[in-house]
Amino acid sequence: MSRLDSTDTPWGEESLNGKLTVRDDVYINADRTYRCSSIENVSFEQSNVLYGVANTSP
């Protein structure tokens, strides 16, 4: 796996200190072909509890 790019940006209400992270990766398959993947992660904190959700698209 190679990490090509990762970007963090503010997300949601400022008081929640939310962050959106988008990461693009490249994988080498067993047959020596390549595939790309994008991983999106949103996280924020409220009342001292950290919430997060992630999405991966092949």
C-alpha atoms as a PDB file:
ATOM      1  CA  MET A   1       0.000   0.000   0.000  1.00  0.00           C
ATOM      2  CA  SER A   2       1.150   3.524  -0.774  1.00  0.00           C
ATOM      3  CA  ARG A   3      -0.461   6.602   0.687  1.00  0.00           C
ATOM      4  CA  LEU A   4      -0.785   9.095  -2.142  1.00  0.00           C
ATOM      5  CA  ASP A   5      -2.444  12.013  -0.391  1.00  0.00           C
ATOM      6  CA  SER A   6      -4.174  12.936   2.854  1.00  0.00           C
ATOM      7  CA  THR A   7      -6.137  16.139   3.467  1.00  0.00           C
ATOM      8  CA  ASP A   8      -7.628  17.410   6.747  1.00  0.00           C
ATOM      9  CA  THR A   9     -10.262  20.167   6.731  1.00  0.00           C
ATOM     10  CA  PRO A  10     -12.567  21.626   9.400  1.00  0.00           C
ATOM     11  CA  TRP A  11     -16.060  20.093   9.427  1.00  0.00           C
ATOM     12  CA  GLY A  12     -19.373  21.059  11.022  1.00  0.00           C
ATOM     13  CA  GLU A  13     -19.919  23.604  13.777  1.00  0.00           C
ATOM     14  CA  GLU A  14     -16.781  25.273  15.100  1.00  0.00           C
ATOM     15  CA  SER A  15     -17.750  24.448  18.706  1.00  0.00           C
ATOM     16  CA  LEU A  16     -17.528  20.701  17.929  1.00  0.00           C
ATOM     17  CA  ASN A  17     -13.972  20.955  16.556  1.00  0.00           C
ATOM     18  CA  GLY A  18     -14.955  18.593  13.736  1.00  0.00           C
ATOM     19  CA  LYS A  19     -12.481  17.323  11.173  1.00  0.00           C
ATOM     20  CA  LEU A  20     -12.902  15.701   7.758  1.00  0.00           C
ATOM     21  CA  THR A  21      -9.966  13.597   6.604  1.00  0.00           C
ATOM     22  CA  VAL A  22      -9.786  12.285   3.033  1.00  0.00           C
ATOM     23  CA  ARG A  23      -7.001   9.830   2.219  1.00  0.00           C
ATOM     24  CA  ASP A  24      -6.178   8.337  -1.181  1.00  0.00           C
ATOM     25  CA  ASP A  25      -4.213   5.068  -1.311  1.00  0.00           C
ATOM     26  CA  VAL A  26      -2.925   2.695  -3.993  1.00  0.00           C
ATOM     27  CA  TYR A  27      -2.748  -1.071  -3.446  1.00  0.00           C
ATOM     28  CA  ILE A  28      -0.898  -3.738  -5.443  1.00  0.00           C
ATOM     29  CA  ASN A  29      -3.042  -6.834  -5.968  1.00  0.00           C
ATOM     30  CA  ALA A  30      -1.670 -10.401  -5.929  1.00  0.00           C
ATOM     31  CA  ASP A  31      -1.738 -10.475  -9.732  1.00  0.00           C
ATOM     32  CA  ARG A  32       0.476  -7.336  -9.818  1.00  0.00           C
ATOM     33  CA  THR A  33      -2.361  -5.031 -10.911  1.00  0.00           C
ATOM     34  CA  TYR A  34      -3.151  -1.846  -9.023  1.00  0.00           C
ATOM     35  CA  ARG A  35      -6.297  -0.497  -7.394  1.00  0.00           C
ATOM     36  CA  CYS A  36      -7.044   2.859  -5.821  1.00  0.00           C
ATOM     37  CA  SER A  37      -9.025   3.531  -2.674  1.00  0.00           C
ATOM     38  CA  SER A  38     -10.382   6.664  -1.059  1.00  0.00           C
ATOM     39  CA  ILE A  39     -10.986   6.718   2.700  1.00  0.00           C
ATOM     40  CA  GLU A  40     -13.139   9.478   4.213  1.00  0.00           C
ATOM     41  CA  ASN A  41     -13.310   9.976   7.975  1.00  0.00           C
ATOM     42  CA  VAL A  42     -15.358  12.547   9.919  1.00  0.00           C
ATOM     43  CA  SER A  43     -14.799  13.051  13.633  1.00  0.00           C
ATOM     44  CA  PHE A  44     -15.989  15.561  16.237  1.00  0.00           C
ATOM     45  CA  GLU A  45     -16.203  15.877  19.999  1.00  0.00           C
ATOM     46  CA  GLN A  46     -19.264  16.727  22.089  1.00  0.00           C
ATOM     47  CA  SER A  47     -19.568  16.552  25.885  1.00  0.00           C
ATOM     48  CA  ASN A  48     -16.123  14.896  26.134  1.00  0.00           C
ATOM     49  CA  VAL A  49     -17.212  12.071  23.779  1.00  0.00           C
ATOM     50  CA  LEU A  50     -15.386  11.617  20.457  1.00  0.00           C
ATOM     51  CA  TYR A  51     -17.644  10.567  17.557  1.00  0.00           C
ATOM     52  CA  GLY A  52     -16.452   9.361  14.187  1.00  0.00           C
ATOM     53  CA  VAL A  53     -17.624   7.730  11.002  1.00  0.00           C
ATOM     54  CA  ALA A  54     -15.571   6.414   8.090  1.00  0.00           C
ATOM     55  CA  ASN A  55     -16.334   5.478   4.507  1.00  0.00           C
ATOM     56  CA  THR A  56     -14.110   3.548   2.104  1.00  0.00           C
ATOM     57  CA  SER A  57     -14.639   3.378  -1.627  1.00  0.00           C
ATOM     58  CA  PRO A  58     -12.576   0.941  -3.671  1.00  0.00           C
END
